[in-house]
Amino acid sequence: MSLLVVGLSHRSAPVSVLERASLSADAKIKLLHDTLAAEPAAEATVLATCNRIELYADVDKFHAGVAELSTLLAQHSGVALEELTPYLYVHYEDRAVHHLFSVACGLDSMVVGEGQILGQIKDALALGQELHTAGRLINDLFQQALRVGKRAHSETGIDRAGQSLVTFGLEQLAVHLPVDAWAKGKRALVIGAGSMSSLAAATLARVGVAEVVVANRTAERAERLAEILVASGTGVRARSVAMSAVTDELTRVDVVVSCTGATGLVLTGDDVAAAVVEGPAGLLPSLPDPRGCAPDPAPHTPAGLDSDVVARLRAASEAGVRLADGGVARTIAPGAGAADGCPVEVLAGDGRAALTGVDANSLELHGTWADQGEAAAQRQPRKGARSQVDVAPVRLALLDLAMPRDIDAAVHRIPGVRLVDIESLAEASADAPMAADVDAVRGIVAEEVAAFGAAQRAAHITPTVVALRAMAAEVVAMEVARLDGRLPDLDERQRAEVTQTVRRVVDKLLHAPTVRVKQLASEPGGAGYAEALRELFDLDPQTVASVSRADAADKNDDSGRAS
């Protein structure tokens, strides 16, 4: 076994790199074809999820294999090799098996213990089988990984250590509330109808949302998912809409979960900002003016400023969204005022600036101050930003589970919007408590890795043992034929007795060595015993290879039927 895995995940690379390195369906196919065309690889498959990209291959040369697989990942992901290399990890032979089994059990997931990875491993195996790039080793490995993952979930409480990415994301949206209490009566929009989006829709229905709207580029899939939700018995209302209707639906819903395979943004900052302003909940409630002043009934245009510019600035400020002044992006930050150095007082809490009567110089100073405040905010950890959002009223909750992202990351700056994406989930999960069952799962993984290695090493010597016994049987047949020529008067009973005696002698002579060599070969470092047998008995390499091919064909047929 010369199993090699080269990859990157949320543990080794920032989300921005994972996002850029994500593989489309066509890219996966081309990657596997090119991997097999490369000299070091005999078989391969790719495991690509929202937070990992891993290429598995059976190689005959370690260093050449690492170089080739790394280059192919860079070529097909579109990220330059020199940029990708610092984030790549490499596992070989037993360490590669240990890595995949850990992944299958959810130990390497963003949310420890989540079970969705098993479906993704099954998809990776199915892709390799469909493209005929998965041979005996990949089939055995991935089939065993699925069994190990199921064993971990059935024999331990790893499910209590974590949950699906969808559930974890909803918990982050709900902040300090139970998800059921937070979701009750809400209207939700699910963008996409793949496996993750379907799970999101089912989870939303289970936790008590009143309505789920499904949008997908293929209308039939969206309609089918809506029908399944209605028939689920949760009492949720469900309907499907075209992707072109997403922006309209944004104004009617409270929660959005998006997970598509799009390469560009599905929801822009402008889409979300417009929905927050135009939605049924209206603008965020205004706080009383702390100065005790009544609103200006007739705002006037400050001297030196264009009235249209002031009108746009005032409207943007009232909505709490980003504004553009002369091509420079500004952000009116809530909760800051003249005491912080800004010449324009800002009403605490709702982010609305009192622009009336402000001269051009002061307005420009405010823009500079706001930019400085935004730059400082961007330098702060995102966890700090979440703690501020926790206490703010939320008009629209967004969960982006796509990689690359579906929703513009800048929407978290819009007042009334809460965004949870893959990056923020990675931050939150780093602080999540680990269950005691994780240790039990690690024990299962170690046990299964040892068993798999032993089985593979034993299987590696089996064709040699079979070839040895075939050679012995051929020698017996030749000697019995010679005996027939020398003793033609032997009757059938005598001839059969002699033949059986010779076979028993050969079998007894071969029994102990072949049993012992299988035991030795199953131990670490036992790969050389097969070569020793071939040399000692002068076995034909082509005979051994033909036995291996026949055995591999049988295994592949069985694997295809099993999957």
Protein backbone atom coordinates (compact mmCIF):
# COMPACT_ATOMS: atom_id res chain seq x y z
CA MET A 1 0.00 0.00 0.00
CA SER A 2 1.40 3.40 -1.02
CA LEU A 3 -1.53 5.63 -0.18
CA LEU A 4 -0.87 9.36 -0.40
CA VAL A 5 -3.20 12.24 0.44
CA VAL A 6 -2.43 15.88 -0.36
CA GLY A 7 -4.95 18.50 0.69
CA LEU A 8 -5.97 21.57 2.62
CA SER A 9 -8.79 22.20 5.07
CA HIS A 10 -10.19 24.70 7.52
CA ARG A 11 -7.48 23.56 9.93
CA SER A 12 -4.58 24.40 7.60
CA ALA A 13 -5.82 27.28 5.45
CA PRO A 14 -7.83 30.48 5.92
CA VAL A 15 -11.34 30.50 4.52
CA SER A 16 -10.31 32.99 1.83
CA VAL A 17 -7.86 30.45 0.39
CA LEU A 18 -10.34 27.56 0.67
CA GLU A 19 -12.91 29.68 -1.09
CA ARG A 20 -10.62 30.39 -4.02
CA ALA A 21 -9.41 26.79 -4.21
CA SER A 22 -12.89 25.22 -4.33
CA LEU A 23 -13.45 22.73 -7.17
CA SER A 24 -16.44 22.66 -9.49
CA ALA A 25 -17.89 19.34 -10.63
CA ASP A 26 -16.07 19.59 -13.97
CA ALA A 27 -12.82 20.50 -12.23
CA LYS A 28 -13.04 17.36 -10.05
CA ILE A 29 -13.44 15.17 -13.13
CA LYS A 30 -10.51 16.78 -14.94
CA LEU A 31 -8.38 16.58 -11.81
CA LEU A 32 -8.93 12.83 -11.47
CA HIS A 33 -8.28 12.16 -15.14
CA ASP A 34 -5.06 14.18 -15.03
CA THR A 35 -3.99 12.45 -11.80
CA LEU A 36 -4.22 9.04 -13.41
CA ALA A 37 -2.43 10.33 -16.48
CA ALA A 38 0.45 11.38 -14.22
CA GLU A 39 3.18 8.76 -13.86
CA PRO A 40 3.24 8.26 -10.05
CA ALA A 41 -0.50 7.59 -9.58
CA ALA A 42 -2.25 4.28 -10.27
CA GLU A 43 -5.68 5.22 -8.85
CA ALA A 44 -7.25 8.27 -7.21
CA THR A 45 -10.32 10.10 -5.98
CA VAL A 46 -11.00 13.55 -4.56
CA LEU A 47 -12.86 14.52 -1.38
CA ALA A 48 -14.04 18.12 -1.80
CA THR A 49 -16.41 19.74 0.71
CA CYS A 50 -17.11 23.29 1.87
CA ASN A 51 -14.13 23.15 4.24
CA ARG A 52 -11.67 20.66 2.74
CA ILE A 53 -10.12 19.64 -0.58
CA GLU A 54 -8.16 16.39 -0.51
CA LEU A 55 -6.71 14.31 -3.32
CA TYR A 56 -6.17 10.60 -2.50
CA ALA A 57 -3.97 8.46 -4.72
CA ASP A 58 -2.07 5.17 -4.82
CA VAL A 59 1.45 6.16 -5.86
CA ASP A 60 4.65 4.26 -6.48
CA LYS A 61 6.99 7.14 -5.56
CA PHE A 62 6.46 9.35 -2.52
CA HIS A 63 8.36 12.52 -3.44
CA ALA A 64 7.29 12.47 -7.07
CA GLY A 65 3.73 11.80 -5.95
CA VAL A 66 3.67 14.76 -3.56
CA ALA A 67 5.07 17.08 -6.23
CA GLU A 68 2.64 15.87 -8.89
CA LEU A 69 -0.49 15.92 -6.72
CA SER A 70 0.34 19.36 -5.33
CA THR A 71 0.85 20.73 -8.84
CA LEU A 72 -2.42 19.21 -10.06
CA LEU A 73 -4.36 20.66 -7.11
CA ALA A 74 -2.96 24.09 -7.87
CA GLN A 75 -3.71 23.82 -11.58
CA HIS A 76 -7.32 22.76 -11.16
CA SER A 77 -8.13 25.00 -8.20
CA GLY A 78 -6.83 28.12 -9.90
CA VAL A 79 -4.59 29.06 -6.95
CA ALA A 80 -0.91 29.43 -7.78
CA LEU A 81 1.25 26.61 -6.42
CA GLU A 82 3.56 28.94 -4.50
CA GLU A 83 0.52 30.46 -2.79
CA LEU A 84 -1.16 27.12 -2.12
CA THR A 85 1.89 25.22 -0.84
CA PRO A 86 2.09 26.77 2.66
CA TYR A 87 -1.43 25.52 3.41
CA LEU A 88 -1.08 21.97 2.06
CA TYR A 89 -0.68 18.91 4.29
CA VAL A 90 0.60 15.49 3.26
CA HIS A 91 -0.19 12.09 4.79
CA TYR A 92 1.32 8.80 3.63
CA GLU A 93 0.40 5.14 4.11
CA ASP A 94 -0.92 4.48 7.65
CA ARG A 95 -1.02 8.20 8.46
CA ALA A 96 -3.20 8.76 5.40
CA VAL A 97 -5.56 6.00 6.53
CA HIS A 98 -5.69 7.48 10.03
CA HIS A 99 -6.53 10.89 8.56
CA LEU A 100 -9.44 9.64 6.44
CA PHE A 101 -10.88 7.54 9.27
CA SER A 102 -10.69 10.58 11.58
CA VAL A 103 -12.45 12.65 8.94
CA ALA A 104 -15.15 9.98 8.56
CA CYS A 105 -15.83 10.01 12.30
CA GLY A 106 -16.17 13.79 12.36
CA LEU A 107 -13.02 14.32 14.43
CA ASP A 108 -11.54 16.62 11.79
CA SER A 109 -14.77 18.47 11.00
CA MET A 110 -15.41 22.11 11.72
CA VAL A 111 -18.15 20.91 14.05
CA VAL A 112 -16.74 17.84 15.82
CA GLY A 113 -18.94 14.78 15.43
CA GLU A 114 -21.09 15.99 12.56
CA GLY A 115 -22.33 13.18 10.36
CA GLN A 116 -22.69 14.89 6.98
CA ILE A 117 -19.11 14.02 6.08
CA LEU A 118 -20.12 10.37 5.64
CA GLY A 119 -22.34 11.31 2.71
CA GLN A 120 -19.53 13.36 1.20
CA ILE A 121 -17.09 10.44 1.54
CA LYS A 122 -19.62 8.19 -0.17
CA ASP A 123 -19.95 10.74 -2.99
CA ALA A 124 -16.15 10.85 -3.39
CA LEU A 125 -16.03 7.06 -3.69
CA ALA A 126 -18.93 7.03 -6.14
CA LEU A 127 -17.16 9.62 -8.31
CA GLY A 128 -14.00 7.52 -8.41
CA GLN A 129 -15.99 4.41 -9.28
CA GLU A 130 -17.97 6.23 -11.98
CA LEU A 131 -14.81 7.57 -13.62
CA HIS A 132 -12.97 4.24 -13.09
CA THR A 133 -10.19 6.06 -11.24
CA ALA A 134 -10.81 4.20 -7.96
CA GLY A 135 -9.04 0.85 -7.89
CA ARG A 136 -8.73 -1.77 -5.20
CA LEU A 137 -6.96 0.41 -2.63
CA ILE A 138 -9.29 3.42 -2.92
CA ASN A 139 -12.35 1.17 -2.87
CA ASP A 140 -11.17 -0.72 0.20
CA LEU A 141 -10.13 2.48 1.97
CA PHE A 142 -13.30 4.48 1.42
CA GLN A 143 -15.63 1.55 2.05
CA GLN A 144 -13.83 0.94 5.33
CA ALA A 145 -13.94 4.65 6.20
CA LEU A 146 -17.72 4.59 5.84
CA ARG A 147 -17.93 1.58 8.15
CA VAL A 148 -15.62 3.21 10.70
CA GLY A 149 -17.66 6.40 10.68
CA LYS A 150 -20.90 4.50 11.22
CA ARG A 151 -19.30 2.48 13.99
CA ALA A 152 -18.15 5.64 15.77
CA HIS A 153 -21.65 7.11 15.67
CA SER A 154 -23.34 3.90 16.79
CA GLU A 155 -20.91 2.85 19.56
CA THR A 156 -20.15 6.24 21.12
CA GLY A 157 -21.88 9.49 21.94
CA ILE A 158 -19.89 11.47 19.37
CA ASP A 159 -23.20 12.84 18.10
CA ARG A 160 -23.50 14.71 21.37
CA ALA A 161 -20.12 16.34 20.80
CA GLY A 162 -21.32 18.08 17.70
CA GLN A 163 -24.08 18.37 15.17
CA SER A 164 -24.53 19.20 11.56
CA LEU A 165 -23.09 22.41 10.19
CA VAL A 166 -26.65 23.59 9.60
CA THR A 167 -27.70 23.12 13.22
CA PHE A 168 -24.50 24.70 14.50
CA GLY A 169 -25.02 27.66 12.16
CA LEU A 170 -28.59 28.17 13.36
CA GLU A 171 -27.34 28.08 16.95
CA GLN A 172 -24.94 30.88 16.10
CA LEU A 173 -27.77 32.90 14.57
CA ALA A 174 -29.95 32.31 17.62
CA VAL A 175 -27.11 33.52 19.89
CA HIS A 176 -28.31 32.96 23.48
CA LEU A 177 -31.78 31.60 22.66
CA PRO A 178 -32.70 27.95 22.09
CA VAL A 179 -32.97 27.39 18.34
CA ASP A 180 -36.59 26.22 18.64
CA ALA A 181 -37.61 29.38 20.49
CA TRP A 182 -35.69 31.60 18.11
CA ALA A 183 -37.07 29.96 14.95
CA LYS A 184 -40.70 29.67 16.01
CA GLY A 185 -43.01 31.45 13.58
CA LYS A 186 -40.22 32.80 11.37
CA ARG A 187 -40.26 32.76 7.60
CA ALA A 188 -37.19 31.28 5.93
CA LEU A 189 -35.67 31.34 2.46
CA VAL A 190 -33.41 28.45 1.41
CA ILE A 191 -31.29 29.12 -1.66
CA GLY A 192 -30.21 25.92 -3.38
CA ALA A 193 -31.68 22.42 -3.42
CA GLY A 194 -28.62 20.21 -3.02
CA SER A 195 -27.86 17.96 -0.08
CA MET A 196 -26.78 20.75 2.29
CA SER A 197 -29.68 23.02 1.32
CA SER A 198 -32.13 20.15 1.67
CA LEU A 199 -30.77 19.42 5.13
CA ALA A 200 -31.11 23.10 6.00
CA ALA A 201 -34.72 23.16 4.85
CA ALA A 202 -35.56 20.02 6.81
CA THR A 203 -33.83 21.40 9.91
CA LEU A 204 -35.71 24.69 9.68
CA ALA A 205 -38.99 22.82 9.39
CA ARG A 206 -38.11 20.67 12.39
CA VAL A 207 -37.19 23.59 14.64
CA GLY A 208 -40.51 25.31 13.99
CA VAL A 209 -40.31 27.96 11.29
CA ALA A 210 -43.72 28.82 9.88
CA GLU A 211 -42.75 28.90 6.20
CA VAL A 212 -39.86 27.78 4.00
CA VAL A 213 -39.37 29.22 0.52
CA VAL A 214 -36.98 27.27 -1.73
CA ALA A 215 -35.15 28.93 -4.61
CA ASN A 216 -33.02 26.97 -7.05
CA ARG A 217 -31.77 27.33 -10.61
CA THR A 218 -33.48 24.04 -11.49
CA ALA A 219 -37.14 24.67 -10.76
CA GLU A 220 -38.04 20.97 -10.58
CA ARG A 221 -35.62 20.34 -7.71
CA ALA A 222 -36.95 23.32 -5.77
CA GLU A 223 -40.53 22.15 -6.29
CA ARG A 224 -39.65 18.62 -5.21
CA LEU A 225 -37.96 19.84 -2.02
CA ALA A 226 -40.97 22.02 -1.19
CA GLU A 227 -43.29 19.04 -1.68
CA ILE A 228 -41.15 16.90 0.65
CA LEU A 229 -41.26 19.60 3.33
CA VAL A 230 -45.05 19.86 3.14
CA ALA A 231 -45.35 16.08 3.43
CA SER A 232 -42.88 15.89 6.34
CA GLY A 233 -45.58 16.24 8.99
CA THR A 234 -43.94 19.26 10.66
CA GLY A 235 -46.80 21.55 9.67
CA VAL A 236 -44.49 23.95 7.84
CA ARG A 237 -45.75 25.82 4.79
CA ALA A 238 -43.41 25.44 1.81
CA ARG A 239 -43.28 26.74 -1.73
CA SER A 240 -40.70 27.13 -4.47
CA VAL A 241 -39.67 30.23 -6.40
CA ALA A 242 -37.35 31.01 -9.28
CA MET A 243 -33.87 32.36 -8.55
CA SER A 244 -34.93 35.62 -10.17
CA ALA A 245 -37.44 36.10 -7.32
CA VAL A 246 -34.86 35.84 -4.51
CA THR A 247 -34.47 39.60 -4.02
CA ASP A 248 -38.25 39.99 -3.70
CA GLU A 249 -38.44 37.14 -1.20
CA LEU A 250 -35.71 38.74 0.89
CA THR A 251 -38.15 41.50 1.87
CA ARG A 252 -40.65 38.92 3.19
CA VAL A 253 -38.47 36.53 5.19
CA ASP A 254 -36.61 36.60 8.49
CA VAL A 255 -33.97 33.92 7.86
CA VAL A 256 -31.93 33.00 4.79
CA VAL A 257 -29.80 29.87 4.36
CA SER A 258 -27.76 29.72 1.17
CA CYS A 259 -25.63 26.89 -0.17
CA THR A 260 -25.26 26.79 -3.94
CA GLY A 261 -22.50 25.84 -6.30
CA ALA A 262 -22.35 29.32 -7.80
CA THR A 263 -18.91 30.78 -8.47
CA GLY A 264 -20.07 34.35 -7.83
CA LEU A 265 -22.16 36.07 -5.17
CA VAL A 266 -25.82 35.10 -4.99
CA LEU A 267 -26.71 37.91 -2.59
CA THR A 268 -24.87 41.24 -2.81
CA GLY A 269 -24.66 43.91 -0.15
CA ASP A 270 -27.11 46.04 -2.14
CA ASP A 271 -29.63 43.18 -2.25
CA VAL A 272 -29.53 42.74 1.52
CA ALA A 273 -29.51 46.47 2.31
CA ALA A 274 -32.57 47.02 0.10
CA ALA A 275 -34.39 44.10 1.73
CA VAL A 276 -33.73 45.44 5.22
CA VAL A 277 -35.14 48.85 4.26
CA GLU A 278 -38.12 47.55 2.27
CA GLY A 279 -38.99 44.51 4.39
CA PRO A 280 -42.26 44.11 6.31
CA ALA A 281 -40.56 44.89 9.59
CA GLY A 282 -39.60 48.32 8.26
CA LEU A 283 -36.61 50.23 9.48
CA LEU A 284 -35.08 49.52 12.83
CA PRO A 285 -36.87 51.36 15.63
CA SER A 286 -35.49 54.84 16.27
CA LEU A 287 -34.17 55.70 19.68
CA PRO A 288 -35.09 59.03 21.30
CA ASP A 289 -32.71 61.89 20.67
CA PRO A 290 -30.50 61.99 23.81
CA ARG A 291 -30.26 65.77 23.43
CA GLY A 292 -34.02 66.05 23.86
CA CYS A 293 -34.42 67.90 20.57
CA ALA A 294 -37.46 67.49 18.39
CA PRO A 295 -36.86 66.34 14.81
CA ASP A 296 -36.28 69.12 12.32
CA PRO A 297 -39.60 69.39 10.48
CA ALA A 298 -38.07 71.00 7.44
CA PRO A 299 -34.49 70.01 6.88
CA HIS A 300 -32.59 72.46 4.73
CA THR A 301 -29.63 72.05 2.43
CA PRO A 302 -26.38 73.30 3.97
CA ALA A 303 -24.66 76.04 2.09
CA GLY A 304 -22.19 74.81 -0.49
CA LEU A 305 -23.70 71.33 -0.87
CA ASP A 306 -25.78 69.97 -3.70
CA SER A 307 -29.32 69.25 -2.49
CA ASP A 308 -29.40 65.88 -4.31
CA VAL A 309 -26.18 64.81 -2.59
CA VAL A 310 -27.54 65.75 0.82
CA ALA A 311 -30.81 63.92 0.10
CA ARG A 312 -28.93 60.74 -0.81
CA LEU A 313 -26.70 61.03 2.24
CA ARG A 314 -29.68 61.58 4.51
CA ALA A 315 -31.57 58.61 3.02
CA ALA A 316 -28.54 56.33 3.36
CA SER A 317 -27.98 57.49 6.90
CA GLU A 318 -31.60 56.89 7.84
CA ALA A 319 -31.31 53.36 6.45
CA GLY A 320 -28.01 52.75 8.24
CA VAL A 321 -26.28 51.58 5.07
CA ARG A 322 -23.00 52.42 3.40
CA LEU A 323 -22.87 55.66 1.43
CA ALA A 324 -20.71 56.76 -1.43
CA ASP A 325 -19.42 60.33 -1.56
CA GLY A 326 -17.31 61.23 -4.53
CA GLY A 327 -16.39 57.60 -5.05
CA VAL A 328 -15.13 57.13 -1.48
CA ALA A 329 -17.04 54.52 0.58
CA ARG A 330 -18.19 55.79 3.97
CA THR A 331 -19.82 53.99 6.82
CA ILE A 332 -21.84 55.80 9.46
CA ALA A 333 -20.98 53.87 12.58
CA PRO A 334 -23.58 53.55 15.34
CA GLY A 335 -22.93 54.56 18.88
CA ALA A 336 -20.29 57.24 18.28
CA GLY A 337 -20.53 60.99 18.55
CA ALA A 338 -18.71 64.26 18.88
CA ALA A 339 -16.96 63.06 22.03
CA ASP A 340 -15.11 60.51 19.85
CA GLY A 341 -13.82 63.21 17.55
CA CYS A 342 -16.60 63.23 14.98
CA PRO A 343 -17.92 66.72 14.11
CA VAL A 344 -21.36 65.25 13.33
CA GLU A 345 -23.39 63.91 16.23
CA VAL A 346 -24.70 60.39 15.69
CA LEU A 347 -27.72 59.10 17.59
CA ALA A 348 -26.56 56.22 19.74
CA GLY A 349 -27.89 52.81 18.81
CA ASP A 350 -29.51 53.27 15.41
CA GLY A 351 -26.65 54.75 13.37
CA ARG A 352 -28.60 57.77 12.01
CA ALA A 353 -26.57 60.96 11.58
CA ALA A 354 -28.03 64.42 12.17
CA LEU A 355 -26.87 65.83 8.83
CA THR A 356 -29.06 68.89 8.87
CA GLY A 357 -27.07 72.08 8.98
CA VAL A 358 -23.70 70.44 8.49
CA ASP A 359 -21.29 72.34 6.30
CA ALA A 360 -19.19 70.75 3.61
CA ASN A 361 -15.98 70.69 5.65
CA SER A 362 -17.65 69.02 8.62
CA LEU A 363 -19.27 66.45 6.33
CA GLU A 364 -15.90 65.63 4.83
CA LEU A 365 -14.39 65.37 8.31
CA HIS A 366 -17.19 62.99 9.25
CA GLY A 367 -16.37 60.86 6.22
CA THR A 368 -12.71 60.69 7.25
CA TRP A 369 -13.66 59.87 10.84
CA ALA A 370 -16.05 57.14 9.69
CA ASP A 371 -13.39 55.59 7.46
CA GLN A 372 -10.93 55.55 10.32
CA GLY A 373 -13.51 53.94 12.58
CA GLU A 374 -14.28 51.30 9.98
CA ALA A 375 -10.60 50.54 9.47
CA ALA A 376 -10.17 50.12 13.20
CA ALA A 377 -13.23 47.89 13.38
CA GLN A 378 -11.85 45.70 10.59
CA ARG A 379 -8.66 45.24 12.59
CA GLN A 380 -10.63 43.82 15.52
CA PRO A 381 -11.32 40.06 15.74
CA ARG A 382 -14.64 39.04 14.28
CA LYS A 383 -15.63 37.46 17.59
CA GLY A 384 -15.67 40.94 19.10
CA ALA A 385 -17.89 42.11 16.29
CA ARG A 386 -20.29 39.25 16.94
CA SER A 387 -20.55 40.16 20.61
CA GLN A 388 -21.73 43.62 19.58
CA VAL A 389 -24.25 42.23 17.14
CA ASP A 390 -25.59 39.91 19.82
CA VAL A 391 -27.31 42.82 21.56
CA ALA A 392 -28.56 44.57 18.42
CA PRO A 393 -32.03 43.95 16.96
CA VAL A 394 -31.85 41.61 13.97
CA ARG A 395 -34.15 42.18 11.03
CA LEU A 396 -32.56 39.57 8.70
CA ALA A 397 -30.50 36.52 9.77
CA LEU A 398 -28.25 35.04 7.08
CA LEU A 399 -26.48 31.65 7.13
CA ASP A 400 -23.99 31.16 4.28
CA LEU A 401 -22.79 27.55 4.02
CA ALA A 402 -21.38 27.81 0.50
CA MET A 403 -17.75 27.64 -0.55
CA PRO A 404 -17.04 29.90 -2.34
CA ARG A 405 -19.38 32.15 -0.40
CA ASP A 406 -22.87 32.98 -1.70
CA ILE A 407 -23.40 36.12 0.38
CA ASP A 408 -21.24 39.24 0.36
CA ALA A 409 -19.26 39.19 3.62
CA ALA A 410 -19.70 42.98 3.91
CA VAL A 411 -23.40 42.62 4.79
CA HIS A 412 -22.45 42.12 8.45
CA ARG A 413 -21.91 45.91 8.54
CA ILE A 414 -25.55 46.61 7.72
CA PRO A 415 -27.54 47.42 10.88
CA GLY A 416 -30.26 44.85 11.46
CA VAL A 417 -28.37 42.08 9.62
CA ARG A 418 -26.64 39.11 11.23
CA LEU A 419 -24.41 36.97 9.02
CA VAL A 420 -22.96 33.61 9.96
CA ASP A 421 -20.66 32.07 7.36
CA ILE A 422 -18.05 29.33 7.15
CA GLU A 423 -15.38 31.61 8.58
CA SER A 424 -17.38 32.64 11.64
CA LEU A 425 -18.45 29.02 12.19
CA ALA A 426 -14.78 28.02 12.22
CA GLU A 427 -14.09 30.65 14.88
CA ALA A 428 -17.06 29.60 17.00
CA SER A 429 -16.34 25.88 16.76
CA ALA A 430 -12.80 26.41 18.01
CA ASP A 431 -14.31 27.29 21.40
CA ALA A 432 -16.97 24.54 21.38
CA PRO A 433 -16.66 22.01 24.22
CA MET A 434 -15.40 18.56 23.32
CA ALA A 435 -17.37 15.55 24.52
CA ALA A 436 -15.70 12.79 26.51
CA ASP A 437 -16.77 10.41 23.74
CA VAL A 438 -14.17 11.93 21.44
CA ASP A 439 -11.49 9.89 23.21
CA ALA A 440 -13.50 6.73 22.59
CA VAL A 441 -13.74 7.58 18.90
CA ARG A 442 -10.00 8.15 18.72
CA GLY A 443 -9.53 4.68 20.16
CA ILE A 444 -11.82 3.23 17.49
CA VAL A 445 -9.88 5.04 14.77
CA ALA A 446 -6.53 3.71 16.04
CA GLU A 447 -7.92 0.18 16.21
CA GLU A 448 -9.42 0.34 12.72
CA VAL A 449 -6.26 1.82 11.21
CA ALA A 450 -4.22 -1.09 12.57
CA ALA A 451 -6.75 -3.61 11.28
CA PHE A 452 -6.90 -1.98 7.85
CA GLY A 453 -3.12 -1.89 7.54
CA ALA A 454 -2.85 -5.55 8.52
CA ALA A 455 -5.56 -6.55 6.05
CA GLN A 456 -3.92 -4.60 3.24
CA ARG A 457 -0.49 -6.05 3.92
CA ALA A 458 -1.93 -9.54 4.10
CA ALA A 459 -3.87 -8.95 0.90
CA HIS A 460 -0.67 -7.76 -0.76
CA ILE A 461 1.00 -11.14 -0.23
CA THR A 462 -2.07 -13.22 -1.12
CA PRO A 463 -1.47 -13.18 -4.92
CA THR A 464 2.09 -14.42 -4.30
CA VAL A 465 0.81 -17.24 -2.08
CA VAL A 466 -1.84 -18.15 -4.65
CA ALA A 467 0.78 -18.17 -7.41
CA LEU A 468 3.02 -20.41 -5.26
CA ARG A 469 0.24 -22.92 -4.68
CA ALA A 470 -0.66 -22.85 -8.38
CA MET A 471 2.96 -23.64 -9.25
CA ALA A 472 2.94 -26.49 -6.74
CA ALA A 473 -0.27 -27.92 -8.21
CA GLU A 474 1.28 -27.74 -11.68
CA VAL A 475 4.36 -29.67 -10.44
CA VAL A 476 2.10 -32.36 -8.90
CA ALA A 477 0.16 -32.71 -12.16
CA MET A 478 3.36 -33.07 -14.18
CA GLU A 479 4.78 -35.73 -11.84
CA VAL A 480 1.52 -37.72 -11.84
CA ALA A 481 1.58 -37.65 -15.66
CA ARG A 482 5.16 -38.96 -15.63
CA LEU A 483 4.11 -41.72 -13.18
CA ASP A 484 1.34 -42.77 -15.57
CA GLY A 485 3.95 -43.24 -18.27
CA ARG A 486 6.26 -45.27 -16.08
CA LEU A 487 3.58 -47.41 -14.40
CA PRO A 488 0.84 -47.90 -17.01
CA ASP A 489 -0.56 -50.95 -15.20
CA LEU A 490 -1.86 -48.92 -12.24
CA ASP A 491 -5.62 -49.09 -11.97
CA GLU A 492 -7.77 -46.02 -11.35
CA ARG A 493 -7.98 -46.57 -7.59
CA GLN A 494 -4.22 -46.89 -7.22
CA ARG A 495 -3.56 -43.90 -9.49
CA ALA A 496 -5.99 -41.76 -7.45
CA GLU A 497 -4.36 -42.83 -4.18
CA VAL A 498 -0.88 -41.94 -5.43
CA THR A 499 -2.08 -38.59 -6.74
CA GLN A 500 -3.81 -37.74 -3.45
CA THR A 501 -0.71 -38.73 -1.46
CA VAL A 502 1.56 -36.46 -3.51
CA ARG A 503 -0.88 -33.56 -3.11
CA ARG A 504 -1.06 -34.08 0.66
CA VAL A 505 2.72 -34.02 0.92
CA VAL A 506 2.93 -30.75 -1.04
CA ASP A 507 0.11 -29.14 0.93
CA LYS A 508 1.68 -30.06 4.25
CA LEU A 509 5.03 -28.72 3.16
CA LEU A 510 3.48 -25.40 2.05
CA HIS A 511 0.94 -24.97 4.84
CA ALA A 512 3.14 -23.70 7.65
CA PRO A 513 5.27 -21.36 5.48
CA THR A 514 2.27 -19.77 3.76
CA VAL A 515 0.31 -19.29 6.98
CA ARG A 516 3.32 -17.84 8.73
CA VAL A 517 4.24 -15.55 5.84
CA LYS A 518 0.71 -14.06 5.88
CA GLN A 519 1.03 -13.38 9.58
CA LEU A 520 4.43 -11.77 9.14
CA ALA A 521 3.27 -9.74 6.17
CA SER A 522 0.34 -8.32 8.15
CA GLU A 523 2.74 -6.72 10.63
CA PRO A 524 4.34 -3.31 10.04
CA GLY A 525 7.35 -3.68 7.78
CA GLY A 526 6.10 -7.01 6.41
CA ALA A 527 5.82 -5.91 2.78
CA GLY A 528 9.15 -7.55 1.90
CA TYR A 529 7.94 -11.09 2.53
CA ALA A 530 6.07 -11.24 -0.77
CA GLU A 531 9.24 -10.34 -2.64
CA ALA A 532 11.17 -12.95 -0.66
CA LEU A 533 8.70 -15.68 -1.67
CA ARG A 534 8.91 -14.68 -5.33
CA GLU A 535 12.70 -14.83 -5.21
CA LEU A 536 12.94 -18.10 -3.23
CA PHE A 537 10.52 -20.03 -5.43
CA ASP A 538 11.39 -18.26 -8.69
CA LEU A 539 7.74 -17.32 -9.28
CA ASP A 540 6.77 -15.73 -12.57
CA PRO A 541 5.94 -12.04 -11.90
CA GLN A 542 3.32 -12.13 -14.65
CA THR A 543 1.50 -14.97 -12.89
CA VAL A 544 1.44 -13.00 -9.64
CA ALA A 545 0.24 -9.87 -11.47
CA SER A 546 -2.56 -11.78 -13.22
CA VAL A 547 -3.80 -13.10 -9.86
CA SER A 548 -3.75 -9.52 -8.48
CA ARG A 549 -5.72 -8.18 -11.45
CA ALA A 550 -8.34 -10.91 -11.19
CA ASP A 551 -8.71 -10.35 -7.46
CA ALA A 552 -8.97 -6.59 -7.93
CA ALA A 553 -11.66 -7.01 -10.59
CA ASP A 554 -13.70 -9.18 -8.25
CA LYS A 555 -13.30 -6.65 -5.42
CA ASN A 556 -14.37 -3.76 -7.64
CA ASP A 557 -17.46 -5.63 -8.77
CA ASP A 558 -18.38 -6.31 -5.15
CA SER A 559 -17.76 -2.67 -4.19
CA GLY A 560 -19.92 -1.40 -7.03
CA ARG A 561 -22.78 -3.64 -5.97
CA ALA A 562 -22.37 -2.64 -2.32
CA SER A 563 -22.48 1.08 -3.01
